[in-house]
Protein backbone atom coordinates (compact mmCIF):
# COMPACT_ATOMS: atom_id res chain seq x y z
CA MET A 1 -13.38 0.66 -17.13
CA SER A 2 -10.75 2.08 -19.45
CA LEU A 3 -8.14 -0.01 -21.26
CA HIS A 4 -5.43 1.76 -19.21
CA GLY A 5 -7.19 0.93 -16.02
CA ARG A 6 -7.57 -2.75 -16.89
CA LEU A 7 -3.92 -2.94 -17.84
CA GLN A 8 -2.80 -1.40 -14.58
CA ARG A 9 -5.03 -3.72 -12.55
CA ARG A 10 -3.58 -6.72 -14.38
CA ILE A 11 0.00 -5.46 -13.76
CA GLN A 12 -0.72 -5.00 -10.08
CA ARG A 13 -2.66 -8.27 -9.57
CA TYR A 14 -0.12 -10.57 -11.15
CA GLY A 15 2.88 -8.52 -10.18
CA TRP A 16 1.94 -8.79 -6.45
CA ASP A 17 1.23 -12.46 -6.86
CA LEU A 18 4.86 -12.85 -7.94
CA ALA A 19 6.17 -10.56 -5.17
CA ALA A 20 4.13 -12.04 -2.32
CA GLY A 21 6.69 -14.64 -1.26
CA GLN A 22 9.46 -12.17 -0.61
CA TYR A 23 7.45 -9.12 0.31
CA GLU A 24 7.70 -9.31 4.08
CA SER A 25 11.42 -10.18 4.20
CA LEU A 26 12.28 -7.25 1.87
CA TRP A 27 9.80 -4.62 2.99
CA GLN A 28 8.29 -5.20 6.40
CA ARG A 29 11.14 -3.38 8.19
CA GLN A 30 11.17 -0.59 5.60
CA LEU A 31 7.46 0.13 5.87
CA SER A 32 7.10 -0.22 9.59
CA PRO A 33 7.31 3.51 10.37
CA ALA A 34 4.29 4.17 8.13
CA HIS A 35 2.43 1.18 9.53
CA ARG A 36 3.02 2.19 13.10
CA GLU A 37 1.94 5.81 12.61
CA LEU A 38 -1.19 4.76 10.63
CA LEU A 39 -2.25 2.44 13.42
CA ALA A 40 -1.54 5.04 16.04
CA LEU A 41 -3.67 7.63 14.31
CA ALA A 42 -6.39 5.17 13.31
CA ALA A 43 -6.59 3.97 16.95
CA PRO A 44 -8.68 0.79 16.54
CA VAL A 45 -10.42 -0.16 19.78
CA PRO A 46 -12.09 -3.41 21.02
CA GLY A 47 -15.28 -4.33 19.32
CA GLU A 48 -14.79 -2.34 16.12
CA ALA A 49 -15.25 -3.57 12.64
CA VAL A 50 -12.26 -2.75 10.48
CA LEU A 51 -11.70 -2.94 6.67
CA ASP A 52 -8.11 -2.99 5.46
CA VAL A 53 -7.85 -2.34 1.70
CA ALA A 54 -4.74 -3.39 -0.28
CA SER A 55 -3.98 -5.44 2.80
CA GLY A 56 -1.06 -7.43 1.25
CA THR A 57 0.23 -10.06 3.64
CA GLY A 58 -1.88 -8.60 6.39
CA LEU A 59 0.68 -6.56 8.27
CA VAL A 60 -1.78 -3.77 9.24
CA ALA A 61 -4.93 -5.97 9.29
CA LEU A 62 -3.43 -8.44 11.76
CA ALA A 63 -2.18 -5.67 14.04
CA ALA A 64 -5.65 -4.14 13.91
CA ALA A 65 -7.16 -7.56 14.76
CA GLU A 66 -5.09 -7.72 17.90
CA ARG A 67 -6.42 -4.34 18.93
CA VAL A 68 -10.12 -4.86 18.22
CA GLY A 69 -10.01 -8.33 19.91
CA GLY A 70 -12.48 -11.17 19.51
CA SER A 71 -15.44 -8.85 20.01
CA GLY A 72 -14.44 -7.01 16.83
CA SER A 73 -13.74 -8.06 13.24
CA VAL A 74 -11.24 -7.31 10.50
CA LEU A 75 -11.58 -7.85 6.77
CA GLY A 76 -8.43 -7.44 4.72
CA VAL A 77 -8.85 -7.29 0.96
CA ASP A 78 -6.27 -7.32 -1.81
CA ILE A 79 -6.22 -7.70 -5.58
CA SER A 80 -3.55 -10.40 -5.34
CA GLU A 81 -4.67 -13.97 -4.64
CA ALA A 82 -1.16 -14.85 -3.36
CA MET A 83 -1.19 -11.95 -0.90
CA VAL A 84 -4.63 -13.03 0.42
CA ALA A 85 -3.46 -16.61 0.83
CA SER A 86 -0.35 -15.46 2.78
CA ALA A 87 -2.43 -13.24 5.09
CA THR A 88 -4.95 -15.99 5.66
CA GLN A 89 -2.19 -18.40 6.76
CA ARG A 90 -0.69 -15.79 9.06
CA ALA A 91 -4.04 -15.08 10.68
CA ALA A 92 -4.55 -18.77 11.32
CA ALA A 93 -1.04 -19.23 12.75
CA LEU A 94 -1.67 -16.34 15.14
CA GLY A 95 -5.08 -17.65 16.16
CA LEU A 96 -6.90 -14.51 14.99
CA GLU A 97 -10.13 -16.12 13.96
CA HIS A 98 -11.88 -12.75 13.74
CA ALA A 99 -9.60 -11.68 10.89
CA ARG A 100 -10.43 -12.87 7.43
CA PHE A 101 -9.10 -11.97 3.99
CA ALA A 102 -10.60 -11.92 0.53
CA ARG A 103 -9.51 -10.97 -3.01
CA MET A 104 -11.20 -7.73 -3.97
CA ASP A 105 -10.62 -4.65 -6.09
CA GLY A 106 -10.21 -1.55 -3.98
CA GLU A 107 -12.10 0.57 -6.46
CA GLN A 108 -15.10 -1.83 -6.47
CA LEU A 109 -15.60 -3.20 -2.97
CA SER A 110 -18.01 -6.07 -2.56
CA CYS A 111 -19.03 -4.72 0.84
CA ALA A 112 -22.33 -3.38 2.04
CA GLY A 113 -22.53 0.32 2.78
CA HIS A 114 -22.22 1.64 6.35
CA SER A 115 -20.52 -1.63 7.49
CA TYR A 116 -17.23 -0.51 9.13
CA ASP A 117 -16.13 1.70 11.96
CA LEU A 118 -12.65 2.12 10.56
CA ALA A 119 -11.12 1.73 7.07
CA CYS A 120 -7.39 1.60 6.44
CA CYS A 121 -5.32 1.54 3.27
CA ALA A 122 -1.57 1.31 4.01
CA LEU A 123 0.63 2.01 0.94
CA GLY A 124 -1.84 0.68 -1.57
CA LEU A 125 -3.82 3.65 -2.83
CA MET A 126 -1.07 4.89 -5.12
CA TYR A 127 -1.20 1.60 -7.08
CA MET A 128 -4.83 2.05 -8.04
CA PRO A 129 -5.63 3.60 -11.45
CA ASP A 130 -8.45 5.67 -9.96
CA PRO A 131 -7.68 6.53 -6.34
CA ALA A 132 -10.58 8.97 -6.19
CA ALA A 133 -12.92 6.06 -6.90
CA ALA A 134 -11.25 3.98 -4.19
CA LEU A 135 -11.78 6.79 -1.65
CA ARG A 136 -15.42 7.11 -2.62
CA GLU A 137 -15.79 3.37 -2.00
CA LEU A 138 -14.16 3.70 1.40
CA PHE A 139 -16.56 6.53 2.19
CA ARG A 140 -19.53 4.35 1.14
CA VAL A 141 -18.65 1.36 3.34
CA LEU A 142 -17.91 3.38 6.44
CA ARG A 143 -20.64 3.94 8.99
CA PRO A 144 -21.60 7.61 9.73
CA GLY A 145 -18.89 8.90 12.07
CA GLY A 146 -16.49 6.21 10.88
CA ARG A 147 -12.75 6.84 10.45
CA LEU A 148 -10.37 6.55 7.55
CA ALA A 149 -6.57 6.10 7.78
CA VAL A 150 -4.41 6.13 4.62
CA ALA A 151 -0.66 6.00 4.07
CA VAL A 152 1.11 6.57 0.77
CA TRP A 153 4.71 7.27 -0.27
CA GLY A 154 5.64 10.89 -0.09
CA GLU A 155 7.46 13.16 -2.55
CA ARG A 156 9.48 11.46 -5.29
CA ALA A 157 12.50 13.57 -4.55
CA ARG A 158 12.54 12.43 -0.92
CA CYS A 159 12.35 8.65 -1.73
CA GLY A 160 15.80 7.35 -2.65
CA TRP A 161 14.54 4.18 -4.39
CA SER A 162 12.32 6.17 -6.83
CA PRO A 163 14.62 5.66 -9.86
CA VAL A 164 13.40 2.08 -10.13
CA PHE A 165 10.36 3.27 -12.13
CA PRO A 166 12.06 5.19 -14.98
CA ILE A 167 14.68 2.42 -15.15
CA VAL A 168 12.04 -0.26 -15.65
CA ASP A 169 9.82 1.99 -17.81
CA ALA A 170 12.79 2.36 -20.18
CA GLU A 171 12.53 -1.41 -20.85
CA VAL A 172 8.76 -1.81 -21.25
CA ASN A 173 6.07 -0.32 -23.43
CA SER A 174 3.92 1.25 -20.70
CA ASP A 175 4.38 3.00 -17.38
CA VAL A 176 4.48 0.51 -14.57
CA CYS A 177 3.13 2.88 -11.86
CA PRO A 178 2.34 6.17 -13.63
CA LEU A 179 0.58 7.85 -10.68
CA PHE A 180 2.78 6.46 -7.94
CA PHE A 181 4.23 9.61 -6.37
CA GLN A 182 1.41 12.01 -7.28
CA LEU A 183 -0.58 11.18 -4.14
CA GLY A 184 2.54 12.18 -2.03
CA GLY A 185 2.41 15.82 -3.14
CA GLN A 186 1.51 18.43 -0.53
CA GLY A 187 -2.24 18.32 0.13
CA VAL A 188 -3.08 16.04 -2.78
CA LEU A 189 -4.35 13.13 -0.67
CA ALA A 190 -6.31 15.44 1.65
CA GLN A 191 -8.00 17.09 -1.31
CA LEU A 192 -9.08 13.70 -2.77
CA ALA A 193 -10.47 12.73 0.63
CA ALA A 194 -12.37 16.01 0.89
CA ASP A 195 -13.81 15.49 -2.67
CA ALA A 196 -15.02 12.07 -1.54
CA GLY A 197 -16.94 13.61 1.35
CA PHE A 198 -14.53 13.15 4.27
CA GLU A 199 -14.10 15.80 6.96
CA ALA A 200 -11.75 16.51 9.85
CA ILE A 201 -8.83 15.67 7.61
CA ARG A 202 -5.34 15.59 9.02
CA GLU A 203 -2.25 14.84 6.98
CA GLN A 204 1.35 14.45 8.18
CA ARG A 205 4.71 13.38 6.78
CA ILE A 206 7.17 10.87 8.14
CA ASP A 207 10.83 10.69 7.28
CA ALA A 208 12.29 7.21 7.21
CA VAL A 209 15.53 5.45 6.36
CA LEU A 210 15.40 2.26 4.17
CA GLU A 211 18.27 0.06 5.18
CA TYR A 212 19.61 -2.83 3.03
CA ASP A 213 22.50 -5.08 3.82
CA ASP A 214 24.01 -5.03 0.36
CA GLY A 215 23.30 -4.26 -3.25
CA ALA A 216 21.69 -7.61 -3.93
CA GLN A 217 19.10 -7.06 -1.17
CA ALA A 218 18.46 -3.49 -2.35
CA CYS A 219 17.90 -4.71 -5.94
CA ASP A 220 15.65 -7.59 -4.75
CA ALA A 221 13.48 -5.17 -2.85
CA ALA A 222 13.15 -2.89 -5.91
CA PHE A 223 12.66 -5.58 -8.61
CA VAL A 224 11.60 -8.89 -7.07
CA GLY A 225 9.47 -8.07 -3.99
CA GLY A 226 7.88 -4.79 -5.00
CA PRO A 227 5.66 -3.05 -7.52
CA VAL A 228 7.69 -3.85 -10.69
CA ALA A 229 7.82 -7.58 -10.07
CA MET A 230 5.67 -8.44 -13.16
CA ALA A 231 7.95 -6.44 -15.46
CA TRP A 232 11.03 -7.96 -13.83
CA SER A 233 9.68 -11.52 -14.39
CA ARG A 234 9.61 -10.88 -18.10
CA PHE A 235 13.11 -9.56 -18.43
CA ASP A 236 15.82 -11.80 -19.84
CA ALA A 237 19.20 -12.16 -18.20
CA SER A 238 20.82 -9.29 -20.11
CA VAL A 239 18.01 -6.88 -19.31
CA ARG A 240 18.06 -7.81 -15.63
CA GLN A 241 21.82 -7.22 -15.52
CA ARG A 242 21.41 -3.82 -17.20
CA VAL A 243 18.57 -2.55 -14.92
CA ARG A 244 20.42 -3.78 -11.80
CA ARG A 245 23.56 -1.92 -12.83
CA ARG A 246 21.58 1.25 -13.58
CA TYR A 247 19.69 1.04 -10.25
CA LEU A 248 22.89 0.50 -8.20
CA GLN A 249 24.40 3.52 -9.88
CA ALA A 250 21.33 5.57 -9.08
CA ILE A 251 21.36 4.71 -5.35
CA ARG A 252 25.16 4.95 -4.99
CA PRO A 253 24.89 8.22 -2.94
CA TRP A 254 23.34 6.25 -0.07
CA ARG A 255 25.85 3.40 0.05
CA VAL A 256 27.41 2.92 3.45
CA GLY A 257 30.10 0.20 3.53
CA GLN A 258 28.53 -2.79 1.82
CA GLY A 259 24.99 -1.66 2.64
CA TYR A 260 22.61 1.17 1.79
CA ARG A 261 20.76 3.76 3.93
CA MET A 262 18.27 5.32 1.52
CA PRO A 263 15.96 8.19 2.45
CA GLY A 264 12.19 7.69 2.29
CA GLU A 265 9.14 9.71 3.06
CA PHE A 266 5.56 8.69 3.79
CA THR A 267 2.35 10.69 3.90
CA VAL A 268 -0.27 9.52 6.47
CA MET A 269 -3.77 10.93 6.46
CA VAL A 270 -6.65 10.38 8.84
CA ALA A 271 -10.22 11.62 8.22
CA GLY A 272 -13.74 11.05 9.30
CA LYS A 273 -17.06 10.38 7.65
CA PRO A 274 -19.73 12.90 8.79
CA ARG A 275 -22.09 11.57 11.47
CA ALA A 276 -25.01 13.11 9.63
CA ILE A 277 -25.19 12.07 5.99
CA GLY A 278 -27.66 13.89 3.73
CA PRO A 279 -29.97 12.03 1.28
CA ALA A 280 -28.24 10.32 -1.59
């Protein structure tokens, strides 16, 4: 594992630990179009075994658990212990005993091969230093004929909140999410899936509007409850004031009254593992 890869994993692990408490309140509504489309295309059915990678607080995993029912099972994994704890609590509150959660690196899954009918990764793959390795792992753990459903953010130019990364990067010594929007390029995700061995690949784009009540909520989503939370936690008051000011200036075109309606784009891909797998 490269030094860069270890750094990015540490940033993501501890950053999402910090973001976990406010993640749903700041992002659930914004991400729901991608989550709905992913679940519709993945189409989990009763009795299936489902793996949800980069599960976060379990928004997709718990919805899948309701669809597969008690005769099925769902395992949600995430690199953040705080996210895993939150998802576990939500599953217990909902009485979904067949959904469990564990801390795990998406690029090195501690799962037996040929174990799952369906694997999902909703808006997590672009945080991984080696998404190709993660897709190979997803291929490995799926049963022959199993299905894959992945959602990532789309093109940078079509995501109004994207200035958060260069604004934060200007204050730190390394890129926070250097590959973030690369997977949203036309055909990029599909090609990675094909390289991993998947077939019957379909990719589509979803336009969305990210709504925030005011500037404070928009800034909290960008800095406190999202992917740059670890960097934000280390900024002093003057730096926080500066980056907030720069971000509000960047998203000013989407201000409506006191709130904001920012454009967003998601790429959702579904694919299948061949039913006949040749010798390793």
